[in-house]
C-alpha atoms as a PDB file:
ATOM      1  CA  MET A   1     -28.114   3.962 -16.360  1.00  0.00           C
ATOM      2  CA  ASN A   2     -26.364   0.916 -17.635  1.00  0.00           C
ATOM      3  CA  ARG A   3     -22.627   0.113 -17.725  1.00  0.00           C
ATOM      4  CA  GLY A   4     -20.972   1.352 -20.580  1.00  0.00           C
ATOM      5  CA  GLU A   5     -22.376   4.700 -19.966  1.00  0.00           C
ATOM      6  CA  LEU A   6     -20.877   8.236 -18.799  1.00  0.00           C
ATOM      7  CA  LEU A   7     -24.195  10.721 -17.441  1.00  0.00           C
ATOM      8  CA  LEU A   8     -22.893  14.105 -16.560  1.00  0.00           C
ATOM      9  CA  VAL A   9     -25.127  15.984 -14.015  1.00  0.00           C
ATOM     10  CA  THR A  10     -24.755  19.713 -13.198  1.00  0.00           C
ATOM     11  CA  GLY A  11     -25.563  21.604 -10.267  1.00  0.00           C
ATOM     12  CA  THR A  12     -24.669  25.750  -9.603  1.00  0.00           C
ATOM     13  CA  ARG A  13     -23.790  24.595  -5.681  1.00  0.00           C
ATOM     14  CA  GLN A  14     -21.203  22.536  -4.778  1.00  0.00           C
ATOM     15  CA  ASP A  15     -23.470  21.260  -1.719  1.00  0.00           C
ATOM     16  CA  GLN A  16     -26.006  19.843  -4.115  1.00  0.00           C
ATOM     17  CA  ARG A  17     -23.338  18.068  -6.494  1.00  0.00           C
ATOM     18  CA  THR A  18     -21.894  16.570  -3.567  1.00  0.00           C
ATOM     19  CA  ALA A  19     -25.471  15.627  -2.099  1.00  0.00           C
ATOM     20  CA  LEU A  20     -26.323  14.047  -5.213  1.00  0.00           C
ATOM     21  CA  ALA A  21     -22.863  12.439  -5.380  1.00  0.00           C
ATOM     22  CA  LEU A  22     -23.653  11.003  -1.944  1.00  0.00           C
ATOM     23  CA  THR A  23     -26.962   9.524  -2.482  1.00  0.00           C
ATOM     24  CA  VAL A  24     -26.215   8.064  -5.985  1.00  0.00           C
ATOM     25  CA  SER A  25     -23.689   6.270  -4.552  1.00  0.00           C
ATOM     26  CA  GLY A  26     -25.564   5.049  -1.612  1.00  0.00           C
ATOM     27  CA  ARG A  27     -24.012   7.144   1.195  1.00  0.00           C
ATOM     28  CA  MET A  28     -26.966   9.243   1.865  1.00  0.00           C
ATOM     29  CA  LYS A  29     -30.591   8.797   1.813  1.00  0.00           C
ATOM     30  CA  PRO A  30     -33.094  10.688  -0.863  1.00  0.00           C
ATOM     31  CA  SER A  31     -35.570  12.703   0.816  1.00  0.00           C
ATOM     32  CA  GLY A  32     -37.834  11.280  -1.715  1.00  0.00           C
ATOM     33  CA  GLY A  33     -37.935   8.208  -3.864  1.00  0.00           C
ATOM     34  CA  ALA A  34     -35.330   5.431  -3.930  1.00  0.00           C
ATOM     35  CA  ALA A  35     -31.893   4.580  -5.327  1.00  0.00           C
ATOM     36  CA  SER A  36     -30.992   1.392  -6.781  1.00  0.00           C
ATOM     37  CA  TRP A  37     -28.525  -0.450  -9.061  1.00  0.00           C
ATOM     38  CA  ASP A  38     -29.336  -3.523 -11.288  1.00  0.00           C
ATOM     39  CA  THR A  39     -31.628  -5.627  -8.808  1.00  0.00           C
ATOM     40  CA  LEU A  40     -30.056  -4.182  -5.887  1.00  0.00           C
ATOM     41  CA  HIS A  41     -31.954  -1.781  -3.659  1.00  0.00           C
ATOM     42  CA  ARG A  42     -30.878  -1.710  -0.359  1.00  0.00           C
ATOM     43  CA  PRO A  43     -28.457   1.686   0.359  1.00  0.00           C
ATOM     44  CA  ARG A  44     -25.655  -0.750   1.434  1.00  0.00           C
ATOM     45  CA  GLN A  45     -25.897  -2.890  -1.442  1.00  0.00           C
ATOM     46  CA  LEU A  46     -25.489   0.110  -3.879  1.00  0.00           C
ATOM     47  CA  ARG A  47     -22.469   1.339  -1.711  1.00  0.00           C
ATOM     48  CA  LEU A  48     -20.727  -1.811  -1.893  1.00  0.00           C
ATOM     49  CA  ALA A  49     -21.215  -1.861  -5.411  1.00  0.00           C
ATOM     50  CA  SER A  50     -20.237   1.810  -6.211  1.00  0.00           C
ATOM     51  CA  ALA A  51     -17.022   3.857  -5.757  1.00  0.00           C
ATOM     52  CA  LEU A  52     -17.500   7.489  -4.841  1.00  0.00           C
ATOM     53  CA  VAL A  53     -14.325   9.704  -6.196  1.00  0.00           C
ATOM     54  CA  ASP A  54     -12.858  13.048  -4.776  1.00  0.00           C
ATOM     55  CA  SER A  55     -15.704  14.439  -2.968  1.00  0.00           C
ATOM     56  CA  PRO A  56     -15.121  17.809  -1.335  1.00  0.00           C
ATOM     57  CA  GLY A  57     -15.140  17.189   2.856  1.00  0.00           C
ATOM     58  CA  VAL A  58     -16.017  13.486   2.082  1.00  0.00           C
ATOM     59  CA  ASN A  59     -13.102  11.462   0.794  1.00  0.00           C
ATOM     60  CA  GLU A  60     -10.604  13.962  -1.183  1.00  0.00           C
ATOM     61  CA  PRO A  61      -7.326  13.411  -0.631  1.00  0.00           C
ATOM     62  CA  GLU A  62      -5.710  15.027   2.126  1.00  0.00           C
ATOM     63  CA  GLU A  63      -3.002  17.265   1.258  1.00  0.00           C
ATOM     64  CA  HIS A  64      -0.403  16.538   3.712  1.00  0.00           C
ATOM     65  CA  LEU A  65      -0.187  12.936   2.254  1.00  0.00           C
ATOM     66  CA  SER A  66       2.003  11.571  -0.509  1.00  0.00           C
ATOM     67  CA  VAL A  67       0.864   9.505  -3.450  1.00  0.00           C
ATOM     68  CA  ARG A  68       2.506   6.786  -1.995  1.00  0.00           C
ATOM     69  CA  GLU A  69       0.641   7.040   1.262  1.00  0.00           C
ATOM     70  CA  LEU A  70      -2.789   7.627  -0.363  1.00  0.00           C
ATOM     71  CA  VAL A  71      -1.980   4.725  -2.345  1.00  0.00           C
ATOM     72  CA  THR A  72      -1.200   2.470   0.846  1.00  0.00           C
ATOM     73  CA  GLU A  73      -4.310   3.864   2.784  1.00  0.00           C
ATOM     74  CA  ASP A  74      -6.645   3.336  -0.019  1.00  0.00           C
ATOM     75  CA  LEU A  75      -5.473  -0.371  -0.566  1.00  0.00           C
ATOM     76  CA  ALA A  76      -6.052  -0.686   2.768  1.00  0.00           C
ATOM     77  CA  LEU A  77      -9.694  -0.386   2.388  1.00  0.00           C
ATOM     78  CA  VAL A  78     -10.429  -3.047  -0.146  1.00  0.00           C
ATOM     79  CA  PRO A  79     -12.342  -5.942   1.243  1.00  0.00           C
ATOM     80  CA  ARG A  80      -9.727  -8.333   2.237  1.00  0.00           C
ATOM     81  CA  ARG A  81     -10.898 -11.221   0.207  1.00  0.00           C
ATOM     82  CA  TYR A  82     -10.029  -9.146  -2.831  1.00  0.00           C
ATOM     83  CA  ARG A  83      -6.888  -7.584  -1.579  1.00  0.00           C
ATOM     84  CA  GLY A  84      -4.556 -10.454  -2.120  1.00  0.00           C
ATOM     85  CA  ALA A  85      -0.980  -8.993  -2.266  1.00  0.00           C
ATOM     86  CA  LEU A  86      -2.015  -5.202  -3.119  1.00  0.00           C
ATOM     87  CA  LEU A  87       1.185  -3.341  -1.682  1.00  0.00           C
ATOM     88  CA  SER A  88       1.361   0.339  -2.852  1.00  0.00           C
ATOM     89  CA  GLY A  89       5.141  -0.141  -4.385  1.00  0.00           C
ATOM     90  CA  PRO A  90       4.213  -3.096  -6.684  1.00  0.00           C
ATOM     91  CA  TRP A  91       0.426  -1.446  -7.763  1.00  0.00           C
ATOM     92  CA  LEU A  92       2.126   2.405  -8.369  1.00  0.00           C
ATOM     93  CA  LYS A  93       4.185   0.547 -10.730  1.00  0.00           C
ATOM     94  CA  VAL A  94       2.220  -1.712 -12.168  1.00  0.00           C
ATOM     95  CA  ASN A  95      -0.657   1.280 -12.992  1.00  0.00           C
ATOM     96  CA  SER A  96       1.904   3.442 -14.221  1.00  0.00           C
ATOM     97  CA  PHE A  97       2.023   5.769 -11.157  1.00  0.00           C
ATOM     98  CA  LYS A  98       5.359   5.322  -9.679  1.00  0.00           C
ATOM     99  CA  ASP A  99       6.676   8.925 -11.533  1.00  0.00           C
ATOM    100  CA  ILE A 100       4.684  10.646  -8.873  1.00  0.00           C
ATOM    101  CA  ALA A 101       4.753   8.619  -5.985  1.00  0.00           C
ATOM    102  CA  ASP A 102       6.629  11.116  -3.748  1.00  0.00           C
ATOM    103  CA  LEU A 103       4.028  14.184  -4.707  1.00  0.00           C
ATOM    104  CA  TRP A 104       2.377  15.587  -2.229  1.00  0.00           C
ATOM    105  CA  THR A 105      -1.155  14.960  -3.375  1.00  0.00           C
ATOM    106  CA  GLU A 106      -1.835  19.099  -3.909  1.00  0.00           C
ATOM    107  CA  GLN A 107       0.811  19.010  -6.038  1.00  0.00           C
ATOM    108  CA  LEU A 108      -1.065  16.787  -9.049  1.00  0.00           C
ATOM    109  CA  ASP A 109      -2.136  18.165 -11.962  1.00  0.00           C
ATOM    110  CA  PRO A 110      -5.760  17.399 -12.530  1.00  0.00           C
ATOM    111  CA  ARG A 111      -5.286  15.190 -15.011  1.00  0.00           C
ATOM    112  CA  ARG A 112      -3.147  12.496 -13.188  1.00  0.00           C
ATOM    113  CA  ARG A 113      -5.186  13.131  -9.968  1.00  0.00           C
ATOM    114  CA  ILE A 114      -8.537  12.089 -11.606  1.00  0.00           C
ATOM    115  CA  GLU A 115      -6.516   9.143 -13.069  1.00  0.00           C
ATOM    116  CA  LEU A 116      -5.030   8.368  -9.883  1.00  0.00           C
ATOM    117  CA  LEU A 117      -8.460   8.676  -7.925  1.00  0.00           C
ATOM    118  CA  THR A 118     -10.323   6.408 -10.280  1.00  0.00           C
ATOM    119  CA  ALA A 119      -7.640   3.714 -10.372  1.00  0.00           C
ATOM    120  CA  LEU A 120      -7.525   3.535  -6.506  1.00  0.00           C
ATOM    121  CA  ALA A 121     -11.516   3.256  -6.634  1.00  0.00           C
ATOM    122  CA  LEU A 122     -11.241   0.397  -9.609  1.00  0.00           C
ATOM    123  CA  ALA A 123      -8.725  -1.636  -7.105  1.00  0.00           C
ATOM    124  CA  ASN A 124     -11.729  -3.246  -5.930  1.00  0.00           C
ATOM    125  CA  PRO A 125     -13.114  -5.700  -8.603  1.00  0.00           C
ATOM    126  CA  ARG A 126     -16.634  -5.590  -7.129  1.00  0.00           C
ATOM    127  CA  THR A 127     -17.176  -1.653  -8.088  1.00  0.00           C
ATOM    128  CA  ASP A 128     -19.321  -1.386 -11.296  1.00  0.00           C
ATOM    129  CA  LEU A 129     -20.863   2.253 -10.843  1.00  0.00           C
ATOM    130  CA  LEU A 130     -18.329   5.015 -10.085  1.00  0.00           C
ATOM    131  CA  VAL A 131     -19.405   8.397  -9.105  1.00  0.00           C
ATOM    132  CA  VAL A 132     -17.433  11.344  -9.472  1.00  0.00           C
ATOM    133  CA  ASP A 133     -18.054  14.823  -7.665  1.00  0.00           C
ATOM    134  CA  SER A 134     -16.966  17.928  -9.322  1.00  0.00           C
ATOM    135  CA  PRO A 135     -13.770  17.210 -11.401  1.00  0.00           C
ATOM    136  CA  ASP A 136     -14.295  20.418 -13.152  1.00  0.00           C
ATOM    137  CA  ARG A 137     -13.253  22.427  -9.824  1.00  0.00           C
ATOM    138  CA  HIS A 138      -9.837  21.156 -10.311  1.00  0.00           C
ATOM    139  CA  SER A 139      -9.445  22.813 -13.723  1.00  0.00           C
ATOM    140  CA  ALA A 140     -11.341  24.800 -16.454  1.00  0.00           C
ATOM    141  CA  ASP A 141     -10.578  22.667 -19.186  1.00  0.00           C
ATOM    142  CA  HIS A 142     -12.688  19.776 -19.599  1.00  0.00           C
ATOM    143  CA  GLU A 143      -9.923  17.998 -21.490  1.00  0.00           C
ATOM    144  CA  ALA A 144      -8.323  17.416 -17.589  1.00  0.00           C
ATOM    145  CA  TRP A 145     -10.886  14.431 -16.484  1.00  0.00           C
ATOM    146  CA  LEU A 146     -13.624  14.288 -19.647  1.00  0.00           C
ATOM    147  CA  PRO A 147     -11.407  11.814 -21.882  1.00  0.00           C
ATOM    148  CA  ARG A 148     -10.958   9.713 -18.502  1.00  0.00           C
ATOM    149  CA  LEU A 149     -14.183   9.406 -17.541  1.00  0.00           C
ATOM    150  CA  GLU A 150     -15.209   8.201 -21.167  1.00  0.00           C
ATOM    151  CA  HIS A 151     -12.638   5.636 -21.563  1.00  0.00           C
ATOM    152  CA  LEU A 152     -13.745   4.046 -18.430  1.00  0.00           C
ATOM    153  CA  ALA A 153     -17.033   4.043 -19.106  1.00  0.00           C
ATOM    154  CA  TYR A 154     -16.590   3.042 -22.822  1.00  0.00           C
ATOM    155  CA  ASP A 155     -14.228   0.361 -21.837  1.00  0.00           C
ATOM    156  CA  ASP A 156     -14.696  -3.219 -23.501  1.00  0.00           C
ATOM    157  CA  GLY A 157     -12.515  -4.956 -21.098  1.00  0.00           C
ATOM    158  CA  ARG A 158     -14.561  -3.560 -17.858  1.00  0.00           C
ATOM    159  CA  PRO A 159     -17.255  -0.922 -19.001  1.00  0.00           C
ATOM    160  CA  LEU A 160     -18.539   0.951 -15.949  1.00  0.00           C
ATOM    161  CA  ALA A 161     -21.389   2.990 -15.209  1.00  0.00           C
ATOM    162  CA  VAL A 162     -19.918   6.438 -14.886  1.00  0.00           C
ATOM    163  CA  VAL A 163     -22.123   9.259 -13.108  1.00  0.00           C
ATOM    164  CA  ALA A 164     -20.035  13.036 -12.862  1.00  0.00           C
ATOM    165  CA  THR A 165     -21.481  16.100 -11.410  1.00  0.00           C
ATOM    166  CA  ALA A 166     -20.084  19.259 -12.563  1.00  0.00           C
ATOM    167  CA  SER A 167     -20.634  23.216 -12.348  1.00  0.00           C
ATOM    168  CA  ALA A 168     -21.528  23.386 -16.236  1.00  0.00           C
ATOM    169  CA  LEU A 169     -21.364  20.536 -19.311  1.00  0.00           C
ATOM    170  CA  PRO A 170     -18.476  21.007 -21.370  1.00  0.00           C
ATOM    171  CA  PRO A 171     -19.392  22.957 -24.426  1.00  0.00           C
ATOM    172  CA  SER A 172     -18.227  19.677 -26.992  1.00  0.00           C
ATOM    173  CA  TRP A 173     -20.643  17.361 -24.559  1.00  0.00           C
ATOM    174  CA  THR A 174     -23.248  15.670 -26.594  1.00  0.00           C
ATOM    175  CA  GLY A 175     -23.772  12.505 -24.459  1.00  0.00           C
ATOM    176  CA  PRO A 176     -26.680  12.105 -21.326  1.00  0.00           C
ATOM    177  CA  SER A 177     -26.966  15.011 -18.989  1.00  0.00           C
ATOM    178  CA  ALA A 178     -29.515  15.955 -16.016  1.00  0.00           C
ATOM    179  CA  VAL A 179     -29.745  18.914 -14.075  1.00  0.00           C
ATOM    180  CA  ILE A 180     -29.958  18.594 -10.391  1.00  0.00           C
ATOM    181  CA  GLY A 181     -33.385  20.298  -9.321  1.00  0.00           C
ATOM    182  CA  ASN A 182     -36.395  20.617  -7.178  1.00  0.00           C
ATOM    183  CA  ALA A 183     -38.908  19.294  -9.336  1.00  0.00           C
ATOM    184  CA  VAL A 184     -39.075  17.176 -12.384  1.00  0.00           C
ATOM    185  CA  LEU A 185     -40.321  18.699 -15.459  1.00  0.00           C
ATOM    186  CA  VAL A 186     -42.682  16.654 -17.816  1.00  0.00           C
ATOM    187  CA  GLN A 187     -43.659  18.315 -21.328  1.00  0.00           C
ATOM    188  CA  ALA A 188     -46.725  16.834 -22.915  1.00  0.00           C
ATOM    189  CA  GLN A 189     -46.513  16.719 -26.824  1.00  0.00           C
ATOM    190  CA  ASP A 190     -49.780  17.778 -27.415  1.00  0.00           C
ATOM    191  CA  ASP A 191     -50.556  20.907 -24.943  1.00  0.00           C
ATOM    192  CA  GLN A 192     -46.854  21.909 -24.143  1.00  0.00           C
ATOM    193  CA  GLN A 193     -48.141  21.672 -20.424  1.00  0.00           C
ATOM    194  CA  ASP A 194     -45.553  21.396 -17.557  1.00  0.00           C
ATOM    195  CA  VAL A 195     -46.297  19.181 -14.611  1.00  0.00           C
ATOM    196  CA  ARG A 196     -44.319  19.409 -11.359  1.00  0.00           C
ATOM    197  CA  ALA A 197     -43.334  16.939  -8.874  1.00  0.00           C
ATOM    198  CA  PRO A 198     -44.170  17.992  -4.905  1.00  0.00           C
ATOM    199  CA  GLU A 199     -41.939  20.381  -3.245  1.00  0.00           C
ATOM    200  CA  HIS A 200     -40.709  18.316  -0.769  1.00  0.00           C
ATOM    201  CA  GLN A 201     -38.665  15.974  -3.223  1.00  0.00           C
ATOM    202  CA  ASP A 202     -35.543  17.817  -3.119  1.00  0.00           C
ATOM    203  CA  ALA A 203     -33.249  15.245  -4.559  1.00  0.00           C
ATOM    204  CA  GLN A 204     -35.102  14.982  -7.993  1.00  0.00           C
ATOM    205  CA  LEU A 205     -33.208  14.988 -11.288  1.00  0.00           C
ATOM    206  CA  GLN A 206     -34.578  17.452 -13.771  1.00  0.00           C
ATOM    207  CA  THR A 207     -33.803  15.589 -17.232  1.00  0.00           C
ATOM    208  CA  GLU A 208     -32.486  17.476 -20.432  1.00  0.00           C
ATOM    209  CA  ASP A 209     -31.459  16.412 -24.161  1.00  0.00           C
ATOM    210  CA  ALA A 210     -27.893  17.127 -25.457  1.00  0.00           C
ATOM    211  CA  THR A 211     -27.622  19.684 -28.030  1.00  0.00           C
END
């Protein structure tokens, strides 16, 4: 995929979705094949170019943190050469999060949560690939997260490649999608014969056309 695209990947189990998000963002080595971005092929290079957002048990915000404390911690992780004068107070004001600064992270509604966490991920100007893990777990209403991800992918000012895992596709989604599976299904045009990949390739994606 390229910048300016949003890909939704579905999987029934949370551990599958998180494993995929970790692999796509260069934080876990796939059991088969390889992950790359642009001309970057090493996991460390992919990791530096990507941001993993709200992954359960990995980097989801701790409930005991206030938004202000979360922002302070995340801004401290931005590479020093890009950090400049990134302080939580001015950052919250400039990015229109001052109204929620004193809330606990667990108090955030799903829409504001995804807005805050993606904005923090993009505080690092090197981020080109955004990988969001299971945003639908916070709300059954896809309007709470899908419009934000579409805006980030299609933003002319800073177009991103955005991958989001979910338990199911939103009914209105007509864009690119894939399914987490153990095999790649190839359908020949002439004989409709199915060809399956070796069983040991547990991290493959099965693509499907959106309807």
